[in-house]
Amino acid sequence: MDSDGSNPIRLIENEAPDYYPKYSSSAHAIAFSSNVQIWTMSENGGGLRQLTFGERGTMPDWSPDGQQIIYSGPKGAIWVMDKDGSNQIPLTFRPEGKIY
């Protein structure tokens, strides 16, 4: 939409609710959650790509350089991955070493 809120354009039409959109100005992309998975798309709505599968993913946010995405993963653990969905790594653990 324009800066004054006029001329909104719908970027995606989805049966599942879409949440937590985060814009990365350096990557010219949007990360968001849909159906407890993390997705990205270009700023014009093209290039839709699912980044997480099976395991939950919500509340994405971009690293300052736009190269990584941090998100809430299974059981509330904090995870990080590359912007293409590779190298998914948990950052938080329980004391016994299990992911939480």
N, C-alpha and C. Protein backbone atom coordinates (compact mmCIF):
# COMPACT_ATOMS: atom_id res chain seq x y z
N MET A 1 0.83 -1.18 0.00
CA MET A 1 0.00 0.00 0.00
C MET A 1 0.87 1.24 0.00
N ASP A 2 0.27 2.33 -0.32
CA ASP A 2 0.97 3.60 -0.25
C ASP A 2 1.23 3.97 1.20
N SER A 3 2.15 4.88 1.44
CA SER A 3 2.52 5.25 2.80
C SER A 3 1.35 5.84 3.60
N ASP A 4 0.35 6.36 2.90
CA ASP A 4 -0.82 6.91 3.61
C ASP A 4 -1.91 5.86 3.85
N GLY A 5 -1.64 4.59 3.47
CA GLY A 5 -2.59 3.50 3.69
C GLY A 5 -3.54 3.26 2.54
N SER A 6 -3.45 4.07 1.50
CA SER A 6 -4.33 3.88 0.35
C SER A 6 -3.74 2.85 -0.62
N ASN A 7 -4.55 2.35 -1.49
CA ASN A 7 -4.15 1.40 -2.53
C ASN A 7 -3.53 0.10 -2.01
N PRO A 8 -4.19 -0.56 -1.05
CA PRO A 8 -3.63 -1.83 -0.57
C PRO A 8 -3.70 -2.90 -1.66
N ILE A 9 -2.71 -3.77 -1.68
CA ILE A 9 -2.67 -4.88 -2.64
C ILE A 9 -2.50 -6.17 -1.86
N ARG A 10 -3.36 -7.14 -2.11
CA ARG A 10 -3.24 -8.44 -1.45
C ARG A 10 -2.12 -9.23 -2.13
N LEU A 11 -1.15 -9.68 -1.34
CA LEU A 11 0.00 -10.39 -1.90
C LEU A 11 -0.21 -11.90 -1.97
N ILE A 12 -1.04 -12.43 -1.10
CA ILE A 12 -1.24 -13.88 -1.07
C ILE A 12 -2.68 -14.17 -0.67
N GLU A 13 -3.26 -15.17 -1.29
CA GLU A 13 -4.59 -15.61 -0.92
C GLU A 13 -4.47 -17.05 -0.50
N ASN A 14 -4.79 -17.31 0.73
CA ASN A 14 -4.50 -18.58 1.36
C ASN A 14 -5.69 -18.98 2.23
N GLU A 15 -6.03 -20.27 2.27
CA GLU A 15 -7.10 -20.73 3.16
C GLU A 15 -6.66 -20.67 4.61
N ALA A 16 -5.40 -20.95 4.89
CA ALA A 16 -4.87 -20.91 6.25
C ALA A 16 -4.58 -19.46 6.64
N PRO A 17 -4.74 -19.14 7.92
CA PRO A 17 -4.39 -17.79 8.36
C PRO A 17 -2.89 -17.54 8.23
N ASP A 18 -2.52 -16.35 7.83
CA ASP A 18 -1.12 -15.95 7.70
C ASP A 18 -0.82 -14.93 8.80
N TYR A 19 0.32 -15.12 9.50
CA TYR A 19 0.66 -14.29 10.65
C TYR A 19 2.10 -13.81 10.59
N TYR A 20 2.39 -12.82 11.43
CA TYR A 20 3.75 -12.35 11.70
C TYR A 20 4.55 -11.98 10.45
N PRO A 21 4.01 -11.19 9.55
CA PRO A 21 4.82 -10.81 8.38
C PRO A 21 5.98 -9.92 8.81
N LYS A 22 7.15 -10.22 8.29
CA LYS A 22 8.35 -9.42 8.58
C LYS A 22 9.05 -9.13 7.27
N TYR A 23 9.31 -7.86 7.04
CA TYR A 23 9.93 -7.40 5.80
C TYR A 23 11.43 -7.26 5.99
N SER A 24 12.19 -7.78 5.06
CA SER A 24 13.64 -7.61 5.05
C SER A 24 14.01 -6.67 3.92
N SER A 25 14.38 -5.47 4.27
CA SER A 25 14.71 -4.51 3.22
C SER A 25 15.97 -4.90 2.46
N SER A 26 16.91 -5.57 3.13
CA SER A 26 18.14 -5.95 2.42
C SER A 26 17.90 -7.10 1.45
N ALA A 27 16.93 -7.96 1.75
CA ALA A 27 16.65 -9.10 0.87
C ALA A 27 15.44 -8.85 -0.03
N HIS A 28 14.75 -7.74 0.19
CA HIS A 28 13.53 -7.41 -0.56
C HIS A 28 12.55 -8.59 -0.52
N ALA A 29 12.35 -9.12 0.67
CA ALA A 29 11.50 -10.29 0.85
C ALA A 29 10.67 -10.14 2.11
N ILE A 30 9.64 -10.98 2.21
CA ILE A 30 8.78 -11.03 3.39
C ILE A 30 8.80 -12.45 3.91
N ALA A 31 9.03 -12.61 5.21
CA ALA A 31 8.90 -13.89 5.88
C ALA A 31 7.60 -13.84 6.68
N PHE A 32 6.89 -14.96 6.76
CA PHE A 32 5.65 -15.00 7.52
C PHE A 32 5.34 -16.43 7.94
N SER A 33 4.39 -16.57 8.87
CA SER A 33 3.93 -17.89 9.31
C SER A 33 2.57 -18.17 8.70
N SER A 34 2.38 -19.40 8.27
CA SER A 34 1.09 -19.85 7.78
C SER A 34 0.97 -21.33 8.12
N ASN A 35 -0.12 -21.68 8.79
CA ASN A 35 -0.35 -23.07 9.15
C ASN A 35 0.85 -23.64 9.92
N VAL A 36 1.34 -22.89 10.88
CA VAL A 36 2.50 -23.18 11.73
C VAL A 36 3.75 -23.59 10.96
N GLN A 37 3.96 -22.99 9.81
CA GLN A 37 5.18 -23.17 9.01
C GLN A 37 5.70 -21.79 8.64
N ILE A 38 6.99 -21.71 8.33
CA ILE A 38 7.59 -20.45 7.90
C ILE A 38 7.68 -20.44 6.38
N TRP A 39 7.28 -19.34 5.79
CA TRP A 39 7.30 -19.13 4.35
C TRP A 39 8.01 -17.81 4.04
N THR A 40 8.49 -17.67 2.82
CA THR A 40 8.98 -16.38 2.34
C THR A 40 8.39 -16.12 0.95
N MET A 41 8.40 -14.86 0.59
CA MET A 41 8.00 -14.45 -0.76
C MET A 41 8.67 -13.12 -1.05
N SER A 42 8.73 -12.78 -2.32
CA SER A 42 9.30 -11.49 -2.67
C SER A 42 8.35 -10.38 -2.24
N GLU A 43 8.84 -9.18 -2.21
CA GLU A 43 8.03 -8.06 -1.75
C GLU A 43 6.82 -7.77 -2.64
N ASN A 44 6.79 -8.33 -3.85
CA ASN A 44 5.63 -8.15 -4.73
C ASN A 44 4.69 -9.35 -4.71
N GLY A 45 4.97 -10.34 -3.83
CA GLY A 45 4.11 -11.50 -3.68
C GLY A 45 4.53 -12.71 -4.49
N GLY A 46 5.54 -12.59 -5.34
CA GLY A 46 6.01 -13.72 -6.13
C GLY A 46 7.01 -14.57 -5.37
N GLY A 47 7.39 -15.68 -5.94
CA GLY A 47 8.44 -16.53 -5.37
C GLY A 47 8.09 -17.15 -4.04
N LEU A 48 6.83 -17.50 -3.83
CA LEU A 48 6.40 -18.11 -2.57
C LEU A 48 7.18 -19.39 -2.31
N ARG A 49 7.75 -19.52 -1.10
CA ARG A 49 8.59 -20.67 -0.77
C ARG A 49 8.37 -21.09 0.68
N GLN A 50 8.07 -22.37 0.89
CA GLN A 50 7.93 -22.91 2.24
C GLN A 50 9.32 -23.30 2.75
N LEU A 51 9.67 -22.84 3.97
CA LEU A 51 11.01 -23.08 4.51
C LEU A 51 11.05 -24.16 5.59
N THR A 52 9.98 -24.32 6.35
CA THR A 52 9.95 -25.35 7.38
C THR A 52 8.91 -26.40 7.01
N PHE A 53 9.18 -27.64 7.40
CA PHE A 53 8.28 -28.76 7.10
C PHE A 53 8.18 -29.64 8.34
N GLY A 54 7.02 -30.19 8.59
CA GLY A 54 6.85 -31.12 9.69
C GLY A 54 6.91 -30.44 11.05
N GLU A 55 8.07 -29.94 11.41
CA GLU A 55 8.22 -29.26 12.68
C GLU A 55 7.57 -27.88 12.59
N ARG A 56 7.08 -27.41 13.67
CA ARG A 56 6.41 -26.11 13.69
C ARG A 56 7.40 -24.97 13.50
N GLY A 57 6.89 -23.89 12.99
CA GLY A 57 7.66 -22.67 12.87
C GLY A 57 6.73 -21.47 12.89
N THR A 58 6.97 -20.54 13.79
CA THR A 58 6.15 -19.34 13.87
C THR A 58 7.04 -18.14 14.21
N MET A 59 6.46 -16.98 14.12
CA MET A 59 7.07 -15.72 14.53
C MET A 59 8.45 -15.47 13.92
N PRO A 60 8.58 -15.51 12.59
CA PRO A 60 9.89 -15.28 11.97
C PRO A 60 10.33 -13.83 12.07
N ASP A 61 11.63 -13.63 12.05
CA ASP A 61 12.20 -12.29 11.94
C ASP A 61 13.55 -12.41 11.24
N TRP A 62 13.95 -11.38 10.56
CA TRP A 62 15.17 -11.39 9.74
C TRP A 62 16.39 -10.92 10.53
N SER A 63 17.54 -11.45 10.21
CA SER A 63 18.79 -10.90 10.72
C SER A 63 19.00 -9.53 10.07
N PRO A 64 19.81 -8.67 10.68
CA PRO A 64 20.02 -7.33 10.11
C PRO A 64 20.52 -7.35 8.66
N ASP A 65 21.31 -8.37 8.29
CA ASP A 65 21.83 -8.42 6.92
C ASP A 65 20.90 -9.16 5.95
N GLY A 66 19.77 -9.66 6.45
CA GLY A 66 18.80 -10.35 5.59
C GLY A 66 19.22 -11.73 5.14
N GLN A 67 20.26 -12.30 5.71
CA GLN A 67 20.76 -13.61 5.29
C GLN A 67 20.20 -14.76 6.11
N GLN A 68 19.64 -14.48 7.30
CA GLN A 68 19.11 -15.52 8.16
C GLN A 68 17.75 -15.12 8.71
N ILE A 69 17.01 -16.13 9.15
CA ILE A 69 15.70 -15.93 9.77
C ILE A 69 15.73 -16.63 11.12
N ILE A 70 15.31 -15.92 12.16
CA ILE A 70 15.16 -16.51 13.49
C ILE A 70 13.67 -16.75 13.70
N TYR A 71 13.32 -17.84 14.37
CA TYR A 71 11.91 -18.16 14.54
C TYR A 71 11.69 -19.02 15.76
N SER A 72 10.44 -19.10 16.18
CA SER A 72 10.04 -19.98 17.27
C SER A 72 9.72 -21.34 16.67
N GLY A 73 10.44 -22.35 17.11
CA GLY A 73 10.29 -23.69 16.57
C GLY A 73 9.53 -24.61 17.51
N PRO A 74 9.73 -25.92 17.37
CA PRO A 74 9.01 -26.90 18.19
C PRO A 74 9.16 -26.63 19.68
N LYS A 75 8.04 -26.74 20.40
CA LYS A 75 7.99 -26.58 21.86
C LYS A 75 8.55 -25.24 22.32
N GLY A 76 8.47 -24.22 21.48
CA GLY A 76 8.88 -22.89 21.87
C GLY A 76 10.37 -22.61 21.82
N ALA A 77 11.17 -23.55 21.31
CA ALA A 77 12.61 -23.30 21.19
C ALA A 77 12.86 -22.22 20.15
N ILE A 78 13.95 -21.51 20.29
CA ILE A 78 14.35 -20.50 19.31
C ILE A 78 15.30 -21.14 18.33
N TRP A 79 15.01 -20.98 17.05
CA TRP A 79 15.80 -21.57 15.96
C TRP A 79 16.28 -20.46 15.03
N VAL A 80 17.30 -20.78 14.25
CA VAL A 80 17.77 -19.88 13.20
C VAL A 80 18.03 -20.71 11.95
N MET A 81 17.83 -20.11 10.78
CA MET A 81 18.10 -20.80 9.52
C MET A 81 18.55 -19.77 8.50
N ASP A 82 19.18 -20.26 7.44
CA ASP A 82 19.52 -19.39 6.33
C ASP A 82 18.24 -18.97 5.62
N LYS A 83 18.29 -17.88 4.87
CA LYS A 83 17.09 -17.34 4.24
C LYS A 83 16.45 -18.30 3.23
N ASP A 84 17.20 -19.31 2.76
CA ASP A 84 16.64 -20.30 1.85
C ASP A 84 16.08 -21.52 2.57
N GLY A 85 16.10 -21.50 3.92
CA GLY A 85 15.56 -22.61 4.71
C GLY A 85 16.60 -23.65 5.10
N SER A 86 17.81 -23.52 4.62
CA SER A 86 18.86 -24.49 4.96
C SER A 86 19.46 -24.15 6.32
N ASN A 87 20.23 -25.09 6.84
CA ASN A 87 20.97 -24.91 8.11
C ASN A 87 20.07 -24.50 9.27
N GLN A 88 18.98 -25.24 9.47
CA GLN A 88 18.09 -24.96 10.59
C GLN A 88 18.74 -25.47 11.88
N ILE A 89 18.99 -24.53 12.81
CA ILE A 89 19.75 -24.84 14.02
C ILE A 89 18.98 -24.34 15.24
N PRO A 90 18.77 -25.21 16.25
CA PRO A 90 18.14 -24.74 17.49
C PRO A 90 19.15 -23.95 18.31
N LEU A 91 18.70 -22.86 18.90
CA LEU A 91 19.58 -22.02 19.71
C LEU A 91 19.33 -22.18 21.21
N THR A 92 18.16 -22.68 21.60
CA THR A 92 17.86 -22.86 23.01
C THR A 92 17.66 -24.33 23.31
N PHE A 93 18.12 -24.75 24.49
CA PHE A 93 18.08 -26.15 24.93
C PHE A 93 17.67 -26.24 26.39
N ARG A 94 17.18 -27.40 26.81
CA ARG A 94 16.97 -27.69 28.23
C ARG A 94 18.31 -28.06 28.84
N PRO A 95 18.43 -27.96 30.16
CA PRO A 95 19.70 -28.31 30.79
C PRO A 95 20.20 -29.72 30.45
N GLU A 96 19.28 -30.68 30.26
CA GLU A 96 19.71 -32.03 29.92
C GLU A 96 20.08 -32.17 28.44
N GLY A 97 20.08 -31.07 27.70
CA GLY A 97 20.51 -31.08 26.33
C GLY A 97 19.41 -31.30 25.31
N LYS A 98 18.18 -31.48 25.79
CA LYS A 98 17.08 -31.66 24.85
C LYS A 98 16.56 -30.31 24.40
N ILE A 99 16.11 -30.26 23.16
CA ILE A 99 15.52 -29.03 22.63
C ILE A 99 14.19 -28.81 23.34
N TYR A 100 13.90 -27.59 23.70
CA TYR A 100 12.60 -27.28 24.27
C TYR A 100 11.92 -26.18 23.54
